[in-house]
Amino acid sequence: MSGFEDTPSPTDNLICDLSHFGTIRVEGEEARDYLQNQFTNDMREVDENIGQLSAYCSAKGRMLAIFTIYQHNDAFYLKLPRPLVEPILKRLQMFILRAKVTLTDLSDELIRIGVSGDACQQQLKSIMGELPENDFAVTHNSVSIQRIPSTSPRYEICGDVEAVKTLWQQLSDAVPTGADGWELLDTEAGLPQIFTETFEAFVPQMVNLQLVEGVSFRKGCYPGQEVVARMQYLGKLKRRMYLAHVDSSAAPSPGDELFDPESESNQGSGKVVRVAPHPEGGHSLLVVTQISSAEADRLQLTDAEGPTLSINDLPYPFEIEEAAS
């Protein structure tokens, strides 16, 4: 579904096919330790009811992927954009060595849908019983249900084809929407994502990953950990992620450059992280940009001829101490 007239409000009761995301299963007696040594978050905190957001970085601390993660029956399930499944699976496989770990692409075997809204929450609860109450928490029944941050109750549901198909038919209060509708909810919730176009573009703090509990600074080493820790404790963050709006009929894309006419940077003023059509017109965007450019309200898409961005409030605060970012 696309176009302003087709884009639902974030407060609507929605149901969405999330087949544009893929799923990697990680299992084996050393799976938890293996993932603990790879990702930004603390895998020791994940269990059958507690999930999390996490990232996979290069040695330079640049993010290769962002996942939602949950555990079920001694296996871990990672959700990420489908185009990244193959390259991330290949890279993870390289570092298994002799560890007792098996990686499997289940993108075509497990079906994933999204459900949002108060009425949908009540109907889902009447069908499935207990629902997860905290962000990224999980419950398991005939399907796995993970709560996703949003201004209204929102859940991602994953399971086999028949179970998910049956649930879809039972959720009669939900209005079907396309990928744009779900992308709008993620964007306005301030949730970062990595796409092919932004592969290795950002360190975690640039996209506020530490503010949405996607980074642990108490765990051990992982690729890029020294860079991420140094930024947190010794550096001063010059770029971070903002929620923005642009009145443009042409859709921006992740990776599009931002322009500040007064910036002296030779690397541009920032990039688009994710984008979705807004029901009232234009597009909502998450953008990583120079803090000085955002605070001075002088950002445009692409170049001096591009449309002007307006900065809106994220649903969570920035840290008080900038230097601790």
Protein backbone atom coordinates (compact mmCIF):
# COMPACT_ATOMS: atom_id res chain seq x y z
CA MET A 1 0.00 0.00 0.00
CA SER A 2 1.40 3.42 -0.87
CA GLY A 3 0.31 7.01 -1.32
CA PHE A 4 -0.91 9.48 1.26
CA GLU A 5 -4.56 8.55 0.90
CA ASP A 6 -3.75 4.92 1.62
CA THR A 7 -1.49 5.53 4.61
CA PRO A 8 -3.34 4.92 7.89
CA SER A 9 -2.99 6.95 11.06
CA PRO A 10 -0.62 5.53 13.70
CA THR A 11 -3.58 5.26 16.08
CA ASP A 12 -5.65 3.02 13.76
CA ASN A 13 -6.25 -0.66 14.43
CA LEU A 14 -4.02 -2.25 11.83
CA ILE A 15 -2.83 -5.61 10.63
CA CYS A 16 0.13 -5.88 8.27
CA ASP A 17 1.97 -8.56 6.32
CA LEU A 18 5.63 -8.27 7.37
CA SER A 19 7.07 -10.57 4.71
CA HIS A 20 9.51 -7.78 3.77
CA PHE A 21 11.40 -8.87 6.88
CA GLY A 22 13.28 -12.15 7.19
CA THR A 23 14.11 -14.47 10.08
CA ILE A 24 17.37 -16.15 11.04
CA ARG A 25 17.28 -18.96 13.62
CA VAL A 26 20.37 -19.54 15.75
CA GLU A 27 20.47 -22.77 17.74
CA GLY A 28 22.90 -25.15 19.41
CA GLU A 29 24.35 -25.52 22.89
CA GLU A 30 26.78 -22.64 22.35
CA ALA A 31 24.34 -20.35 20.51
CA ARG A 32 23.91 -17.84 23.35
CA ASP A 33 27.65 -17.47 23.95
CA TYR A 34 28.26 -17.12 20.23
CA LEU A 35 25.70 -14.31 19.85
CA GLN A 36 26.98 -12.67 23.04
CA ASN A 37 30.34 -12.30 21.33
CA GLN A 38 28.82 -10.80 18.17
CA PHE A 39 26.06 -8.34 19.09
CA THR A 40 25.82 -4.99 20.92
CA ASN A 41 23.27 -6.10 23.50
CA ASP A 42 23.57 -8.57 26.38
CA MET A 43 22.26 -11.94 25.20
CA ARG A 44 22.37 -13.25 28.76
CA GLU A 45 19.21 -11.22 29.42
CA VAL A 46 17.19 -12.94 26.68
CA ASP A 47 14.89 -15.80 27.68
CA GLU A 48 11.51 -17.24 26.69
CA ASN A 49 9.77 -14.03 27.83
CA ILE A 50 12.39 -11.29 27.49
CA GLY A 51 13.44 -10.18 24.02
CA GLN A 52 15.54 -7.24 22.92
CA LEU A 53 16.79 -4.97 20.18
CA SER A 54 20.42 -5.40 19.16
CA ALA A 55 22.91 -4.63 16.40
CA TYR A 56 25.76 -6.32 14.57
CA CYS A 57 28.77 -4.10 13.89
CA SER A 58 31.90 -4.18 11.81
CA ALA A 59 35.30 -3.98 13.50
CA LYS A 60 35.09 -0.21 12.99
CA GLY A 61 31.86 -0.02 15.00
CA ARG A 62 29.68 0.62 11.95
CA MET A 63 26.37 -1.24 11.99
CA LEU A 64 25.75 -4.05 9.51
CA ALA A 65 22.27 -4.89 10.79
CA ILE A 66 19.76 -4.18 13.56
CA PHE A 67 17.64 -7.07 14.90
CA THR A 68 14.73 -7.72 17.16
CA ILE A 69 15.53 -10.95 19.02
CA TYR A 70 13.58 -13.47 21.03
CA GLN A 71 14.15 -17.02 22.32
CA HIS A 72 11.88 -20.02 21.90
CA ASN A 73 12.60 -23.70 22.60
CA ASP A 74 16.34 -23.10 23.09
CA ALA A 75 16.72 -21.27 19.77
CA PHE A 76 17.08 -17.55 19.06
CA TYR A 77 15.13 -15.80 16.32
CA LEU A 78 16.49 -12.66 14.66
CA LYS A 79 14.28 -10.37 12.57
CA LEU A 80 15.90 -8.10 9.96
CA PRO A 81 15.10 -6.70 6.50
CA ARG A 82 14.96 -9.53 3.97
CA PRO A 83 17.66 -8.17 1.63
CA LEU A 84 20.16 -8.33 4.50
CA VAL A 85 19.43 -11.93 5.50
CA GLU A 86 21.84 -13.58 3.07
CA PRO A 87 24.87 -11.30 3.65
CA ILE A 88 24.41 -11.31 7.43
CA LEU A 89 23.93 -15.08 7.51
CA LYS A 90 27.11 -15.51 5.49
CA ARG A 91 29.09 -13.19 7.75
CA LEU A 92 27.83 -14.81 10.96
CA GLN A 93 28.68 -18.23 9.54
CA MET A 94 32.31 -17.14 9.03
CA PHE A 95 32.87 -16.70 12.76
CA ILE A 96 31.28 -19.90 14.06
CA LEU A 97 34.51 -21.88 13.56
CA ARG A 98 34.14 -24.96 15.82
CA ALA A 99 31.36 -23.59 18.00
CA LYS A 100 28.29 -25.81 18.36
CA VAL A 101 25.96 -23.41 16.58
CA THR A 102 23.62 -23.78 13.59
CA LEU A 103 22.28 -20.87 11.56
CA THR A 104 19.16 -21.24 9.41
CA ASP A 105 17.27 -18.84 7.15
CA LEU A 106 13.60 -19.35 8.03
CA SER A 107 12.27 -16.39 6.05
CA ASP A 108 10.18 -18.63 3.78
CA GLU A 109 9.04 -21.01 6.53
CA LEU A 110 7.88 -18.64 9.27
CA ILE A 111 5.25 -16.02 8.56
CA ARG A 112 5.41 -12.66 10.30
CA ILE A 113 2.58 -10.14 10.69
CA GLY A 114 2.10 -6.95 12.67
CA VAL A 115 -0.92 -5.90 14.74
CA SER A 116 -1.49 -2.47 16.27
CA GLY A 117 -4.21 -0.56 18.15
CA ASP A 118 -6.28 -0.81 21.32
CA ALA A 119 -9.14 -2.79 19.79
CA CYS A 120 -6.70 -5.19 18.14
CA GLN A 121 -4.92 -5.65 21.45
CA GLN A 122 -8.16 -6.65 23.16
CA GLN A 123 -9.16 -9.01 20.38
CA LEU A 124 -5.68 -10.56 20.25
CA LYS A 125 -5.77 -11.07 24.02
CA SER A 126 -9.18 -12.75 23.85
CA ILE A 127 -7.84 -15.18 21.24
CA MET A 128 -4.32 -15.84 22.55
CA GLY A 129 -4.61 -15.16 26.28
CA GLU A 130 -1.63 -13.47 27.94
CA LEU A 131 0.18 -10.81 25.90
CA PRO A 132 3.65 -9.34 26.55
CA GLU A 133 3.44 -6.08 28.50
CA ASN A 134 6.94 -4.63 28.16
CA ASP A 135 8.76 -3.49 25.01
CA PHE A 136 10.38 -6.43 23.17
CA ALA A 137 8.92 -8.91 25.68
CA VAL A 138 7.52 -12.15 24.21
CA THR A 139 4.82 -14.73 24.82
CA HIS A 140 4.50 -18.07 23.05
CA ASN A 141 1.40 -20.04 22.19
CA SER A 142 0.59 -21.39 18.75
CA VAL A 143 2.60 -18.34 17.59
CA SER A 144 5.28 -16.11 19.14
CA ILE A 145 4.12 -12.58 19.99
CA GLN A 146 6.65 -9.79 20.62
CA ARG A 147 5.66 -6.33 21.82
CA ILE A 148 7.12 -3.47 19.77
CA PRO A 149 7.46 0.13 21.03
CA SER A 150 4.77 2.50 19.76
CA THR A 151 2.30 5.14 20.90
CA SER A 152 -0.45 2.48 20.86
CA PRO A 153 -0.22 -1.25 21.68
CA ARG A 154 1.74 -3.00 18.92
CA TYR A 155 2.87 -6.56 18.37
CA GLU A 156 4.80 -8.62 15.84
CA ILE A 157 3.55 -12.18 15.47
CA CYS A 158 5.63 -15.01 14.05
CA GLY A 159 4.70 -18.64 13.39
CA ASP A 160 3.97 -21.26 10.78
CA VAL A 161 1.72 -20.47 7.85
CA GLU A 162 -1.48 -22.10 9.09
CA ALA A 163 -1.33 -20.67 12.62
CA VAL A 164 -0.68 -17.13 11.42
CA LYS A 165 -3.27 -17.38 8.64
CA THR A 166 -5.90 -18.50 11.14
CA LEU A 167 -5.04 -15.65 13.51
CA TRP A 168 -5.22 -13.10 10.67
CA GLN A 169 -8.77 -14.24 9.87
CA GLN A 170 -9.79 -14.05 13.54
CA LEU A 171 -8.61 -10.47 13.99
CA SER A 172 -11.75 -8.92 12.49
CA ASP A 173 -11.22 -5.52 14.19
CA ALA A 174 -7.98 -4.94 12.27
CA VAL A 175 -7.73 -2.97 9.03
CA PRO A 176 -5.17 -4.45 6.60
CA THR A 177 -2.36 -2.09 5.65
CA GLY A 178 0.75 -2.39 3.53
CA ALA A 179 4.40 -2.10 4.44
CA ASP A 180 4.21 1.73 4.45
CA GLY A 181 1.72 1.66 7.33
CA TRP A 182 4.02 -0.40 9.53
CA GLU A 183 7.05 1.63 8.48
CA LEU A 184 5.25 4.77 9.67
CA LEU A 185 4.74 3.22 13.11
CA ASP A 186 8.40 2.24 13.35
CA THR A 187 9.53 5.65 12.13
CA GLU A 188 7.39 7.65 14.55
CA ALA A 189 8.43 5.34 17.40
CA GLY A 190 12.02 6.43 16.71
CA LEU A 191 13.20 2.88 16.03
CA PRO A 192 16.31 2.78 13.84
CA GLN A 193 16.85 0.20 11.10
CA ILE A 194 19.70 -0.66 8.75
CA PHE A 195 18.94 -1.25 5.08
CA THR A 196 21.18 -2.16 2.17
CA GLU A 197 21.58 1.55 1.39
CA THR A 198 22.84 2.34 4.93
CA PHE A 199 25.03 -0.74 5.47
CA GLU A 200 28.03 0.40 7.58
CA ALA A 201 26.85 4.02 7.55
CA PHE A 202 26.32 4.57 11.30
CA VAL A 203 27.73 3.70 14.71
CA PRO A 204 24.99 2.72 17.21
CA GLN A 205 24.89 6.04 19.07
CA MET A 206 24.25 7.96 15.84
CA VAL A 207 20.85 6.24 15.52
CA ASN A 208 20.02 6.50 19.26
CA LEU A 209 20.35 2.73 19.69
CA GLN A 210 21.49 3.21 23.29
CA LEU A 211 18.29 5.18 23.97
CA VAL A 212 16.02 2.32 22.88
CA GLU A 213 17.93 -0.28 24.93
CA GLY A 214 19.78 -1.77 21.97
CA VAL A 215 23.30 -1.47 23.45
CA SER A 216 24.77 -2.86 26.66
CA PHE A 217 27.85 -1.12 28.05
CA ARG A 218 28.31 -3.79 30.74
CA LYS A 219 28.86 -6.85 28.54
CA GLY A 220 32.08 -8.22 27.10
CA CYS A 221 33.71 -7.75 23.74
CA TYR A 222 32.04 -7.88 20.34
CA PRO A 223 33.10 -6.54 16.93
CA GLY A 224 33.41 -2.76 17.13
CA GLN A 225 32.96 -2.70 20.92
CA GLU A 226 35.99 -0.47 21.55
CA VAL A 227 34.70 2.15 19.10
CA VAL A 228 31.19 2.08 20.60
CA ALA A 229 32.48 2.28 24.19
CA ARG A 230 34.93 5.06 23.37
CA MET A 231 32.13 7.12 21.82
CA GLN A 232 29.99 6.58 24.91
CA TYR A 233 32.56 7.47 27.54
CA LEU A 234 35.24 9.57 25.87
CA GLY A 235 33.77 11.05 22.70
CA LYS A 236 31.37 13.85 21.95
CA LEU A 237 28.56 12.87 19.63
CA LYS A 238 28.38 15.26 16.69
CA ARG A 239 25.54 13.48 14.85
CA ARG A 240 22.44 11.78 16.12
CA MET A 241 19.03 10.68 14.90
CA TYR A 242 15.99 12.95 14.71
CA LEU A 243 12.38 12.51 13.70
CA ALA A 244 11.60 14.84 10.81
CA HIS A 245 8.89 15.66 8.28
CA VAL A 246 9.21 16.77 4.68
CA ASP A 247 6.43 18.12 2.47
CA SER A 248 7.41 16.29 -0.68
CA SER A 249 5.33 14.16 -3.01
CA ALA A 250 8.47 12.32 -4.11
CA ALA A 251 9.43 9.73 -1.55
CA PRO A 252 12.92 10.02 -0.04
CA SER A 253 14.87 6.78 0.43
CA PRO A 254 17.14 5.43 3.16
CA GLY A 255 20.66 6.60 2.48
CA ASP A 256 19.61 9.86 0.79
CA GLU A 257 21.96 12.70 1.71
CA LEU A 258 20.99 15.78 3.72
CA PHE A 259 22.22 19.30 3.01
CA ASP A 260 23.00 22.23 5.31
CA PRO A 261 23.90 25.38 3.39
CA GLU A 262 26.11 26.59 6.25
CA SER A 263 27.94 23.33 6.94
CA GLU A 264 31.65 23.12 6.29
CA SER A 265 31.64 19.32 6.27
CA ASN A 266 32.83 17.62 3.11
CA GLN A 267 30.89 14.49 4.03
CA GLY A 268 27.41 16.00 3.87
CA SER A 269 25.19 16.91 6.78
CA GLY A 270 23.61 13.50 7.30
CA LYS A 271 21.54 10.68 5.83
CA VAL A 272 17.98 9.40 5.82
CA VAL A 273 17.61 6.33 8.07
CA ARG A 274 14.03 5.31 7.29
CA VAL A 275 10.97 6.96 5.74
CA ALA A 276 7.22 6.48 5.37
CA PRO A 277 4.33 8.42 3.78
CA HIS A 278 2.34 10.41 6.34
CA PRO A 279 -1.50 10.32 6.27
CA GLU A 280 -1.68 14.12 6.35
CA GLY A 281 0.74 14.50 3.44
CA GLY A 282 4.46 14.50 2.94
CA HIS A 283 6.72 11.95 4.61
CA SER A 284 7.89 11.15 8.12
CA LEU A 285 11.59 10.41 8.31
CA LEU A 286 14.25 9.36 10.74
CA VAL A 287 17.46 11.14 9.83
CA VAL A 288 20.99 11.12 11.21
CA THR A 289 22.41 14.61 10.99
CA GLN A 290 24.82 17.02 12.57
CA ILE A 291 23.37 18.21 15.87
CA SER A 292 24.23 21.81 14.99
CA SER A 293 22.30 21.60 11.70
CA ALA A 294 19.19 20.14 13.34
CA GLU A 295 19.19 22.63 16.20
CA ALA A 296 19.56 25.52 13.74
CA ASP A 297 16.66 24.11 11.67
CA ARG A 298 18.53 24.30 8.37
CA LEU A 299 18.27 20.90 6.73
CA GLN A 300 17.28 20.09 3.17
CA LEU A 301 17.10 16.86 1.22
CA THR A 302 19.98 16.18 -1.17
CA ASP A 303 21.10 19.72 -2.03
CA ALA A 304 20.29 23.44 -1.93
CA GLU A 305 17.35 22.89 -4.27
CA GLY A 306 15.84 20.11 -2.15
CA PRO A 307 12.79 20.44 0.12
CA THR A 308 13.28 21.66 3.69
CA LEU A 309 12.97 19.29 6.64
CA SER A 310 11.15 20.19 9.86
CA ILE A 311 12.34 18.50 13.06
CA ASN A 312 9.75 16.90 15.36
CA ASP A 313 9.96 15.44 18.86
CA LEU A 314 10.95 11.82 19.29
CA PRO A 315 8.93 9.76 21.81
CA TYR A 316 12.01 9.46 24.06
CA PRO A 317 14.47 12.08 25.38
CA PHE A 318 18.12 12.50 24.47
CA GLU A 319 20.68 12.12 27.23
CA ILE A 320 21.19 15.15 29.42
CA GLU A 321 24.95 14.98 29.12
CA GLU A 322 25.93 15.23 25.45
CA ALA A 323 29.51 14.23 26.15
CA ALA A 324 28.28 10.94 27.58
CA SER A 325 26.67 10.09 24.24
